[in-house]
Every structure is written in structure tokens, then in C-alpha cells.
Amino acid sequence: MPQAQRTFEAEVAVLQTEFKNLDGKFDEIKHEVKLLDKKVDHYADTTHTLLKEFKVENQQQHKVVEEKIQSLEKWRWMLMGAGLLIGMLGYSGIEKFLLH
């Protein structure tokens, strides 16, 4: 066999070995990408669940604050009404009311 043919065959054998190694590396990368995809899906689901829980809790807190504000609004209107009544009676009317 001539020297050039042996060198060519050796180079082909080396290239085949390197190709097999690359093929194996691509299989590893594919596997890692699949695992990463599963993890991303899991974290997306977890994040979605947490956002739903946050929304429910946020709505509950807003309802509590709304109830407190409505209560304060009632008191404000009662105090304004009492002030208006006292203002309409005037000092002499209050004095008569307190003395009897």
C-alpha cells in the first residue's frame, strides 16, 4: 500500500472517531436541553400558581381595606350631620337643650 493511501485511511479513521465523539456530545446536549425544558415548564407552572395565589390574597386584602374605608365614610357623614345640626341650632339652641 502506498504511503499516501495509508495516511488518507488514517485520517479517515481519525475523522470517523471524532464524528462519533461529536455525535455522542450532541446526544448529551439534546438530553440536557430536554431536562432544561422540563425545568422551565415546572418553574413556569409554579410561577403561575404563585401569581394566582397572590391575586386571591390581593383581592382579599383590598376587600378588607374597602370595608374599613366604608366604615370611616359612615362616621364622617354622621359627624358632618351632627356638626350641621349643631350649627343650625346655634349657641342659644344648644344652651337651651343642655339646660333642660
PDB file of N, CA and C in Angstrom:
ATOM      1  N   MET A   1       0.841  -1.161   0.000  1.00  0.00           N
ATOM      2  CA  MET A   1       0.000   0.000   0.000  1.00  0.00           C
ATOM      3  C   MET A   1       0.899   1.242   0.000  1.00  0.00           C
ATOM      4  N   PRO A   2       0.568   2.156  -0.823  1.00  0.00           N
ATOM      5  CA  PRO A   2       1.380   3.366  -0.857  1.00  0.00           C
ATOM      6  C   PRO A   2       1.172   4.193   0.413  1.00  0.00           C
ATOM      7  N   GLN A   3       2.150   4.992   0.716  1.00  0.00           N
ATOM      8  CA  GLN A   3       2.159   5.833   1.929  1.00  0.00           C
ATOM      9  C   GLN A   3       0.989   6.814   1.925  1.00  0.00           C
ATOM     10  N   ALA A   4       0.657   7.410   0.812  1.00  0.00           N
ATOM     11  CA  ALA A   4      -0.416   8.401   0.715  1.00  0.00           C
ATOM     12  C   ALA A   4      -1.764   7.772   1.050  1.00  0.00           C
ATOM     13  N   GLN A   5      -1.969   6.523   0.604  1.00  0.00           N
ATOM     14  CA  GLN A   5      -3.240   5.859   0.873  1.00  0.00           C
ATOM     15  C   GLN A   5      -3.364   5.533   2.358  1.00  0.00           C
ATOM     16  N   ARG A   6      -2.247   5.088   2.981  1.00  0.00           N
ATOM     17  CA  ARG A   6      -2.282   4.791   4.420  1.00  0.00           C
ATOM     18  C   ARG A   6      -2.565   6.064   5.228  1.00  0.00           C
ATOM     19  N   THR A   7      -1.946   7.152   4.833  1.00  0.00           N
ATOM     20  CA  THR A   7      -2.177   8.418   5.525  1.00  0.00           C
ATOM     21  C   THR A   7      -3.646   8.831   5.373  1.00  0.00           C
ATOM     22  N   PHE A   8      -4.171   8.670   4.163  1.00  0.00           N
ATOM     23  CA  PHE A   8      -5.558   9.006   3.903  1.00  0.00           C
ATOM     24  C   PHE A   8      -6.495   8.146   4.751  1.00  0.00           C
ATOM     25  N   GLU A   9      -6.234   6.858   4.825  1.00  0.00           N
ATOM     26  CA  GLU A   9      -7.064   5.947   5.624  1.00  0.00           C
ATOM     27  C   GLU A   9      -6.969   6.282   7.104  1.00  0.00           C
ATOM     28  N   ALA A  10      -5.780   6.642   7.546  1.00  0.00           N
ATOM     29  CA  ALA A  10      -5.606   7.023   8.955  1.00  0.00           C
ATOM     30  C   ALA A  10      -6.397   8.292   9.258  1.00  0.00           C
ATOM     31  N   GLU A  11      -6.342   9.241   8.345  1.00  0.00           N
ATOM     32  CA  GLU A  11      -7.089  10.491   8.534  1.00  0.00           C
ATOM     33  C   GLU A  11      -8.592  10.228   8.534  1.00  0.00           C
ATOM     34  N   VAL A  12      -9.039   9.328   7.664  1.00  0.00           N
ATOM     35  CA  VAL A  12     -10.458   8.978   7.624  1.00  0.00           C
ATOM     36  C   VAL A  12     -10.862   8.308   8.930  1.00  0.00           C
ATOM     37  N   ALA A  13     -10.027   7.425   9.451  1.00  0.00           N
ATOM     38  CA  ALA A  13     -10.324   6.746  10.714  1.00  0.00           C
ATOM     39  C   ALA A  13     -10.392   7.753  11.858  1.00  0.00           C
ATOM     40  N   VAL A  14      -9.473   8.704  11.874  1.00  0.00           N
ATOM     41  CA  VAL A  14      -9.484   9.748  12.913  1.00  0.00           C
ATOM     42  C   VAL A  14     -10.755  10.580  12.800  1.00  0.00           C
ATOM     43  N   LEU A  15     -11.129  10.953  11.587  1.00  0.00           N
ATOM     44  CA  LEU A  15     -12.347  11.745  11.383  1.00  0.00           C
ATOM     45  C   LEU A  15     -13.593  10.975  11.803  1.00  0.00           C
ATOM     46  N   GLN A  16     -13.618   9.666  11.514  1.00  0.00           N
ATOM     47  CA  GLN A  16     -14.765   8.858  11.937  1.00  0.00           C
ATOM     48  C   GLN A  16     -14.860   8.822  13.458  1.00  0.00           C
ATOM     49  N   THR A  17     -13.727   8.670  14.117  1.00  0.00           N
ATOM     50  CA  THR A  17     -13.714   8.648  15.589  1.00  0.00           C
ATOM     51  C   THR A  17     -14.191   9.992  16.139  1.00  0.00           C
ATOM     52  N   GLU A  18     -13.698  11.073  15.573  1.00  0.00           N
ATOM     53  CA  GLU A  18     -14.113  12.401  16.026  1.00  0.00           C
ATOM     54  C   GLU A  18     -15.602  12.630  15.768  1.00  0.00           C
ATOM     55  N   PHE A  19     -16.111  12.134  14.641  1.00  0.00           N
ATOM     56  CA  PHE A  19     -17.528  12.275  14.336  1.00  0.00           C
ATOM     57  C   PHE A  19     -18.373  11.524  15.361  1.00  0.00           C
ATOM     58  N   LYS A  20     -17.921  10.300  15.727  1.00  0.00           N
ATOM     59  CA  LYS A  20     -18.655   9.526  16.740  1.00  0.00           C
ATOM     60  C   LYS A  20     -18.652  10.270  18.070  1.00  0.00           C
ATOM     61  N   ASN A  21     -17.521  10.875  18.426  1.00  0.00           N
ATOM     62  CA  ASN A  21     -17.449  11.639  19.673  1.00  0.00           C
ATOM     63  C   ASN A  21     -18.391  12.846  19.632  1.00  0.00           C
ATOM     64  N   LEU A  22     -18.418  13.529  18.485  1.00  0.00           N
ATOM     65  CA  LEU A  22     -19.328  14.665  18.340  1.00  0.00           C
ATOM     66  C   LEU A  22     -20.780  14.221  18.409  1.00  0.00           C
ATOM     67  N   ASP A  23     -21.081  13.088  17.795  1.00  0.00           N
ATOM     68  CA  ASP A  23     -22.437  12.560  17.826  1.00  0.00           C
ATOM     69  C   ASP A  23     -22.855  12.282  19.270  1.00  0.00           C
ATOM     70  N   GLY A  24     -21.940  11.713  20.036  1.00  0.00           N
ATOM     71  CA  GLY A  24     -22.231  11.456  21.453  1.00  0.00           C
ATOM     72  C   GLY A  24     -22.440  12.746  22.226  1.00  0.00           C
ATOM     73  N   LYS A  25     -21.641  13.749  21.934  1.00  0.00           N
ATOM     74  CA  LYS A  25     -21.787  15.045  22.605  1.00  0.00           C
ATOM     75  C   LYS A  25     -23.138  15.683  22.254  1.00  0.00           C
ATOM     76  N   PHE A  26     -23.561  15.551  20.989  1.00  0.00           N
ATOM     77  CA  PHE A  26     -24.869  16.081  20.602  1.00  0.00           C
ATOM     78  C   PHE A  26     -25.998  15.371  21.336  1.00  0.00           C
ATOM     79  N   ASP A  27     -25.858  14.069  21.541  1.00  0.00           N
ATOM     80  CA  ASP A  27     -26.863  13.336  22.309  1.00  0.00           C
ATOM     81  C   ASP A  27     -26.928  13.853  23.746  1.00  0.00           C
ATOM     82  N   GLU A  28     -25.770  14.130  24.340  1.00  0.00           N
ATOM     83  CA  GLU A  28     -25.735  14.685  25.698  1.00  0.00           C
ATOM     84  C   GLU A  28     -26.394  16.062  25.734  1.00  0.00           C
ATOM     85  N   ILE A  29     -26.098  16.877  24.732  1.00  0.00           N
ATOM     86  CA  ILE A  29     -26.689  18.217  24.674  1.00  0.00           C
ATOM     87  C   ILE A  29     -28.200  18.123  24.512  1.00  0.00           C
ATOM     88  N   LYS A  30     -28.679  17.204  23.664  1.00  0.00           N
ATOM     89  CA  LYS A  30     -30.121  17.016  23.487  1.00  0.00           C
ATOM     90  C   LYS A  30     -30.771  16.632  24.811  1.00  0.00           C
ATOM     91  N   HIS A  31     -30.129  15.734  25.528  1.00  0.00           N
ATOM     92  CA  HIS A  31     -30.661  15.291  26.820  1.00  0.00           C
ATOM     93  C   HIS A  31     -30.711  16.470  27.808  1.00  0.00           C
ATOM     94  N   GLU A  32     -29.649  17.252  27.854  1.00  0.00           N
ATOM     95  CA  GLU A  32     -29.609  18.410  28.753  1.00  0.00           C
ATOM     96  C   GLU A  32     -30.676  19.437  28.385  1.00  0.00           C
ATOM     97  N   VAL A  33     -30.896  19.637  27.092  1.00  0.00           N
ATOM     98  CA  VAL A  33     -31.924  20.583  26.645  1.00  0.00           C
ATOM     99  C   VAL A  33     -33.311  20.091  27.057  1.00  0.00           C
ATOM    100  N   LYS A  34     -33.550  18.801  26.954  1.00  0.00           N
ATOM    101  CA  LYS A  34     -34.841  18.246  27.383  1.00  0.00           C
ATOM    102  C   LYS A  34     -35.048  18.451  28.876  1.00  0.00           C
ATOM    103  N   LEU A  35     -33.995  18.211  29.664  1.00  0.00           N
ATOM    104  CA  LEU A  35     -34.096  18.433  31.110  1.00  0.00           C
ATOM    105  C   LEU A  35     -34.356  19.903  31.412  1.00  0.00           C
ATOM    106  N   LEU A  36     -33.666  20.765  30.726  1.00  0.00           N
ATOM    107  CA  LEU A  36     -33.850  22.199  30.923  1.00  0.00           C
ATOM    108  C   LEU A  36     -35.269  22.615  30.558  1.00  0.00           C
ATOM    109  N   ASP A  37     -35.799  22.052  29.480  1.00  0.00           N
ATOM    110  CA  ASP A  37     -37.170  22.355  29.066  1.00  0.00           C
ATOM    111  C   ASP A  37     -38.168  21.940  30.139  1.00  0.00           C
ATOM    112  N   LYS A  38     -37.955  20.760  30.716  1.00  0.00           N
ATOM    113  CA  LYS A  38     -38.841  20.290  31.782  1.00  0.00           C
ATOM    114  C   LYS A  38     -38.764  21.210  32.997  1.00  0.00           C
ATOM    115  N   LYS A  39     -37.552  21.651  33.342  1.00  0.00           N
ATOM    116  CA  LYS A  39     -37.396  22.544  34.491  1.00  0.00           C
ATOM    117  C   LYS A  39     -38.067  23.886  34.235  1.00  0.00           C
ATOM    118  N   VAL A  40     -37.926  24.409  33.035  1.00  0.00           N
ATOM    119  CA  VAL A  40     -38.558  25.682  32.693  1.00  0.00           C
ATOM    120  C   VAL A  40     -40.074  25.544  32.780  1.00  0.00           C
ATOM    121  N   ASP A  41     -40.610  24.446  32.263  1.00  0.00           N
ATOM    122  CA  ASP A  41     -42.059  24.220  32.354  1.00  0.00           C
ATOM    123  C   ASP A  41     -42.504  24.142  33.803  1.00  0.00           C
ATOM    124  N   HIS A  42     -41.731  23.437  34.624  1.00  0.00           N
ATOM    125  CA  HIS A  42     -42.074  23.304  36.047  1.00  0.00           C
ATOM    126  C   HIS A  42     -42.067  24.672  36.728  1.00  0.00           C
ATOM    127  N   TYR A  43     -41.025  25.470  36.481  1.00  0.00           N
ATOM    128  CA  TYR A  43     -40.944  26.783  37.110  1.00  0.00           C
ATOM    129  C   TYR A  43     -42.021  27.722  36.579  1.00  0.00           C
ATOM    130  N   ALA A  44     -42.391  27.583  35.325  1.00  0.00           N
ATOM    131  CA  ALA A  44     -43.471  28.397  34.773  1.00  0.00           C
ATOM    132  C   ALA A  44     -44.796  28.044  35.459  1.00  0.00           C
ATOM    133  N   ASP A  45     -45.038  26.762  35.654  1.00  0.00           N
ATOM    134  CA  ASP A  45     -46.261  26.339  36.346  1.00  0.00           C
ATOM    135  C   ASP A  45     -46.267  26.841  37.792  1.00  0.00           C
ATOM    136  N   THR A  46     -45.124  26.725  38.450  1.00  0.00           N
ATOM    137  CA  THR A  46     -45.020  27.187  39.835  1.00  0.00           C
ATOM    138  C   THR A  46     -45.261  28.692  39.909  1.00  0.00           C
ATOM    139  N   THR A  47     -44.668  29.435  38.995  1.00  0.00           N
ATOM    140  CA  THR A  47     -44.847  30.883  38.976  1.00  0.00           C
ATOM    141  C   THR A  47     -46.306  31.232  38.714  1.00  0.00           C
ATOM    142  N   HIS A  48     -46.942  30.517  37.804  1.00  0.00           N
ATOM    143  CA  HIS A  48     -48.352  30.761  37.502  1.00  0.00           C
ATOM    144  C   HIS A  48     -49.219  30.511  38.739  1.00  0.00           C
ATOM    145  N   THR A  49     -48.934  29.441  39.456  1.00  0.00           N
ATOM    146  CA  THR A  49     -49.679  29.122  40.676  1.00  0.00           C
ATOM    147  C   THR A  49     -49.475  30.213  41.724  1.00  0.00           C
ATOM    148  N   LEU A  50     -48.244  30.659  41.901  1.00  0.00           N
ATOM    149  CA  LEU A  50     -47.964  31.714  42.876  1.00  0.00           C
ATOM    150  C   LEU A  50     -48.675  33.015  42.503  1.00  0.00           C
ATOM    151  N   LEU A  51     -48.722  33.317  41.218  1.00  0.00           N
ATOM    152  CA  LEU A  51     -49.423  34.530  40.794  1.00  0.00           C
ATOM    153  C   LEU A  51     -50.926  34.439  41.065  1.00  0.00           C
ATOM    154  N   LYS A  52     -51.498  33.259  40.861  1.00  0.00           N
ATOM    155  CA  LYS A  52     -52.921  33.070  41.167  1.00  0.00           C
ATOM    156  C   LYS A  52     -53.166  33.270  42.663  1.00  0.00           C
ATOM    157  N   GLU A  53     -52.303  32.677  43.499  1.00  0.00           N
ATOM    158  CA  GLU A  53     -52.448  32.828  44.951  1.00  0.00           C
ATOM    159  C   GLU A  53     -52.291  34.288  45.357  1.00  0.00           C
ATOM    160  N   PHE A  54     -51.337  34.985  44.746  1.00  0.00           N
ATOM    161  CA  PHE A  54     -51.129  36.396  45.045  1.00  0.00           C
ATOM    162  C   PHE A  54     -52.362  37.210  44.676  1.00  0.00           C
ATOM    163  N   LYS A  55     -52.967  36.895  43.538  1.00  0.00           N
ATOM    164  CA  LYS A  55     -54.151  37.622  43.103  1.00  0.00           C
ATOM    165  C   LYS A  55     -55.295  37.449  44.097  1.00  0.00           C
ATOM    166  N   VAL A  56     -55.507  36.208  44.552  1.00  0.00           N
ATOM    167  CA  VAL A  56     -56.587  35.942  45.511  1.00  0.00           C
ATOM    168  C   VAL A  56     -56.318  36.691  46.815  1.00  0.00           C
ATOM    169  N   GLU A  57     -55.093  36.608  47.312  1.00  0.00           N
ATOM    170  CA  GLU A  57     -54.743  37.288  48.561  1.00  0.00           C
ATOM    171  C   GLU A  57     -54.875  38.802  48.400  1.00  0.00           C
ATOM    172  N   ASN A  58     -54.466  39.320  47.269  1.00  0.00           N
ATOM    173  CA  ASN A  58     -54.564  40.746  46.997  1.00  0.00           C
ATOM    174  C   ASN A  58     -56.023  41.202  47.001  1.00  0.00           C
ATOM    175  N   GLN A  59     -56.909  40.408  46.389  1.00  0.00           N
ATOM    176  CA  GLN A  59     -58.327  40.747  46.370  1.00  0.00           C
ATOM    177  C   GLN A  59     -58.913  40.739  47.780  1.00  0.00           C
ATOM    178  N   GLN A  60     -58.506  39.771  48.601  1.00  0.00           N
ATOM    179  CA  GLN A  60     -58.991  39.709  49.982  1.00  0.00           C
ATOM    180  C   GLN A  60     -58.542  40.937  50.769  1.00  0.00           C
ATOM    181  N   GLN A  61     -57.292  41.325  50.601  1.00  0.00           N
ATOM    182  CA  GLN A  61     -56.785  42.493  51.319  1.00  0.00           C
ATOM    183  C   GLN A  61     -57.485  43.769  50.853  1.00  0.00           C
ATOM    184  N   HIS A  62     -57.755  43.879  49.564  1.00  0.00           N
ATOM    185  CA  HIS A  62     -58.473  45.040  49.059  1.00  0.00           C
ATOM    186  C   HIS A  62     -59.886  45.098  49.631  1.00  0.00           C
ATOM    187  N   LYS A  63     -60.508  43.947  49.786  1.00  0.00           N
ATOM    188  CA  LYS A  63     -61.861  43.911  50.350  1.00  0.00           C
ATOM    189  C   LYS A  63     -61.850  44.394  51.799  1.00  0.00           C
ATOM    190  N   VAL A  64     -60.855  43.965  52.575  1.00  0.00           N
ATOM    191  CA  VAL A  64     -60.744  44.398  53.970  1.00  0.00           C
ATOM    192  C   VAL A  64     -60.547  45.905  54.042  1.00  0.00           C
ATOM    193  N   VAL A  65     -59.662  46.432  53.220  1.00  0.00           N
ATOM    194  CA  VAL A  65     -59.410  47.870  53.214  1.00  0.00           C
ATOM    195  C   VAL A  65     -60.663  48.631  52.778  1.00  0.00           C
ATOM    196  N   GLU A  66     -61.374  48.103  51.796  1.00  0.00           N
ATOM    197  CA  GLU A  66     -62.605  48.746  51.336  1.00  0.00           C
ATOM    198  C   GLU A  66     -63.641  48.813  52.454  1.00  0.00           C
ATOM    199  N   GLU A  67     -63.777  47.745  53.219  1.00  0.00           N
ATOM    200  CA  GLU A  67     -64.723  47.732  54.339  1.00  0.00           C
ATOM    201  C   GLU A  67     -64.336  48.763  55.391  1.00  0.00           C
ATOM    202  N   LYS A  68     -63.045  48.896  55.675  1.00  0.00           N
ATOM    203  CA  LYS A  68     -62.593  49.888  56.649  1.00  0.00           C
ATOM    204  C   LYS A  68     -62.870  51.300  56.154  1.00  0.00           C
ATOM    205  N   ILE A  69     -62.642  51.548  54.880  1.00  0.00           N
ATOM    206  CA  ILE A  69     -62.887  52.878  54.318  1.00  0.00           C
ATOM    207  C   ILE A  69     -64.378  53.204  54.357  1.00  0.00           C
ATOM    208  N   GLN A  70     -65.229  52.218  54.043  1.00  0.00           N
ATOM    209  CA  GLN A  70     -66.675  52.452  54.093  1.00  0.00           C
ATOM    210  C   GLN A  70     -67.115  52.788  55.514  1.00  0.00           C
ATOM    211  N   SER A  71     -66.545  52.123  56.498  1.00  0.00           N
ATOM    212  CA  SER A  71     -66.869  52.401  57.891  1.00  0.00           C
ATOM    213  C   SER A  71     -66.466  53.828  58.266  1.00  0.00           C
ATOM    214  N   LEU A  72     -65.277  54.230  57.837  1.00  0.00           N
ATOM    215  CA  LEU A  72     -64.820  55.596  58.122  1.00  0.00           C
ATOM    216  C   LEU A  72     -65.693  56.627  57.412  1.00  0.00           C
ATOM    217  N   GLU A  73     -66.134  56.306  56.214  1.00  0.00           N
ATOM    218  CA  GLU A  73     -67.019  57.216  55.471  1.00  0.00           C
ATOM    219  C   GLU A  73     -68.338  57.408  56.224  1.00  0.00           C
ATOM    220  N   LYS A  74     -68.889  56.346  56.795  1.00  0.00           N
ATOM    221  CA  LYS A  74     -70.141  56.463  57.571  1.00  0.00           C
ATOM    222  C   LYS A  74     -69.945  57.403  58.764  1.00  0.00           C
ATOM    223  N   TRP A  75     -68.832  57.225  59.478  1.00  0.00           N
ATOM    224  CA  TRP A  75     -68.555  58.075  60.631  1.00  0.00           C
ATOM    225  C   TRP A  75     -68.390  59.530  60.199  1.00  0.00           C
ATOM    226  N   ARG A  76     -67.733  59.745  59.089  1.00  0.00           N
ATOM    227  CA  ARG A  76     -67.529  61.114  58.607  1.00  0.00           C
ATOM    228  C   ARG A  76     -68.862  61.792  58.330  1.00  0.00           C
ATOM    229  N   TRP A  77     -69.764  61.074  57.649  1.00  0.00           N
ATOM    230  CA  TRP A  77     -71.059  61.663  57.345  1.00  0.00           C
ATOM    231  C   TRP A  77     -71.893  61.897  58.609  1.00  0.00           C
ATOM    232  N   MET A  78     -71.776  61.004  59.591  1.00  0.00           N
ATOM    233  CA  MET A  78     -72.506  61.214  60.848  1.00  0.00           C
ATOM    234  C   MET A  78     -71.975  62.451  61.572  1.00  0.00           C
ATOM    235  N   LEU A  79     -70.649  62.610  61.594  1.00  0.00           N
ATOM    236  CA  LEU A  79     -70.070  63.784  62.251  1.00  0.00           C
ATOM    237  C   LEU A  79     -70.421  65.069  61.507  1.00  0.00           C
ATOM    238  N   MET A  80     -70.461  65.005  60.195  1.00  0.00           N
ATOM    239  CA  MET A  80     -70.846  66.189  59.421  1.00  0.00           C
ATOM    240  C   MET A  80     -72.304  66.551  59.693  1.00  0.00           C
ATOM    241  N   GLY A  81     -73.167  65.541  59.787  1.00  0.00           N
ATOM    242  CA  GLY A  81     -74.577  65.778  60.100  1.00  0.00           C
ATOM    243  C   GLY A  81     -74.740  66.375  61.490  1.00  0.00           C
ATOM    244  N   ALA A  82     -73.984  65.840  62.460  1.00  0.00           N
ATOM    245  CA  ALA A  82     -74.063  66.379  63.822  1.00  0.00           C
ATOM    246  C   ALA A  82     -73.563  67.820  63.837  1.00  0.00           C
ATOM    247  N   GLY A  83     -72.502  68.093  63.110  1.00  0.00           N
ATOM    248  CA  GLY A  83     -71.985  69.466  63.049  1.00  0.00           C
ATOM    249  C   GLY A  83     -72.982  70.407  62.410  1.00  0.00           C
ATOM    250  N   LEU A  84     -73.642  69.934  61.367  1.00  0.00           N
ATOM    251  CA  LEU A  84     -74.658  70.747  60.702  1.00  0.00           C
ATOM    252  C   LEU A  84     -75.816  71.032  61.646  1.00  0.00           C
ATOM    253  N   LEU A  85     -76.250  70.029  62.385  1.00  0.00           N
ATOM    254  CA  LEU A  85     -77.354  70.194  63.334  1.00  0.00           C
ATOM    255  C   LEU A  85     -76.978  71.181  64.425  1.00  0.00           C
ATOM    256  N   ILE A  86     -75.786  71.035  64.948  1.00  0.00           N
ATOM    257  CA  ILE A  86     -75.333  71.959  65.999  1.00  0.00           C
ATOM    258  C   ILE A  86     -75.232  73.369  65.435  1.00  0.00           C
ATOM    259  N   GLY A  87     -74.740  73.470  64.222  1.00  0.00           N
ATOM    260  CA  GLY A  87     -74.634  74.787  63.595  1.00  0.00           C
ATOM    261  C   GLY A  87     -75.987  75.417  63.353  1.00  0.00           C
ATOM    262  N   MET A  88     -76.962  74.615  62.993  1.00  0.00           N
ATOM    263  CA  MET A  88     -78.303  75.153  62.748  1.00  0.00           C
ATOM    264  C   MET A  88     -78.976  75.578  64.045  1.00  0.00           C
ATOM    265  N   LEU A  89     -78.755  74.857  65.124  1.00  0.00           N
ATOM    266  CA  LEU A  89     -79.363  75.217  66.399  1.00  0.00           C
ATOM    267  C   LEU A  89     -78.741  76.498  66.952  1.00  0.00           C
ATOM    268  N   GLY A  90     -77.484  76.677  66.688  1.00  0.00           N
ATOM    269  CA  GLY A  90     -76.801  77.862  67.187  1.00  0.00           C
ATOM    270  C   GLY A  90     -76.490  77.710  68.663  1.00  0.00           C
ATOM    271  N   TYR A  91     -75.787  78.683  69.182  1.00  0.00           N
ATOM    272  CA  TYR A  91     -75.358  78.622  70.592  1.00  0.00           C
ATOM    273  C   TYR A  91     -76.553  78.673  71.526  1.00  0.00           C
ATOM    274  N   SER A  92     -77.524  79.484  71.215  1.00  0.00           N
ATOM    275  CA  SER A  92     -78.683  79.613  72.105  1.00  0.00           C
ATOM    276  C   SER A  92     -79.498  78.326  72.125  1.00  0.00           C
ATOM    277  N   GLY A  93     -79.621  77.668  71.010  1.00  0.00           N
ATOM    278  CA  GLY A  93     -80.368  76.415  70.961  1.00  0.00           C
ATOM    279  C   GLY A  93     -79.671  75.317  71.738  1.00  0.00           C
ATOM    280  N   ILE A  94     -78.367  75.252  71.660  1.00  0.00           N
ATOM    281  CA  ILE A  94     -77.601  74.241  72.403  1.00  0.00           C
ATOM    282  C   ILE A  94     -77.692  74.529  73.889  1.00  0.00           C
ATOM    283  N   GLU A  95     -77.641  75.809  74.251  1.00  0.00           N
ATOM    284  CA  GLU A  95     -77.717  76.203  75.661  1.00  0.00           C
ATOM    285  C   GLU A  95     -79.068  75.787  76.242  1.00  0.00           C
ATOM    286  N   LYS A  96     -80.139  76.011  75.504  1.00  0.00           N
ATOM    287  CA  LYS A  96     -81.465  75.619  75.968  1.00  0.00           C
ATOM    288  C   LYS A  96     -81.563  74.094  76.099  1.00  0.00           C
ATOM    289  N   PHE A  97     -80.978  73.395  75.114  1.00  0.00           N
ATOM    290  CA  PHE A  97     -81.026  71.935  75.132  1.00  0.00           C
ATOM    291  C   PHE A  97     -80.265  71.369  76.327  1.00  0.00           C
ATOM    292  N   LEU A  98     -79.111  71.932  76.645  1.00  0.00           N
ATOM    293  CA  LEU A  98     -78.299  71.454  77.751  1.00  0.00           C
ATOM    294  C   LEU A  98     -78.880  71.807  79.105  1.00  0.00           C
ATOM    295  N   LEU A  99     -79.580  72.947  79.215  1.00  0.00           N
ATOM    296  CA  LEU A  99     -80.120  73.385  80.496  1.00  0.00           C
ATOM    297  C   LEU A  99     -81.386  72.649  80.871  1.00  0.00           C
ATOM    298  N   HIS A 100     -82.104  72.084  79.956  1.00  0.00           N
ATOM    299  CA  HIS A 100     -83.368  71.383  80.295  1.00  0.00           C
ATOM    300  C   HIS A 100     -83.152  69.968  80.523  1.00  0.00           C
TER     301      HIS A 100
END
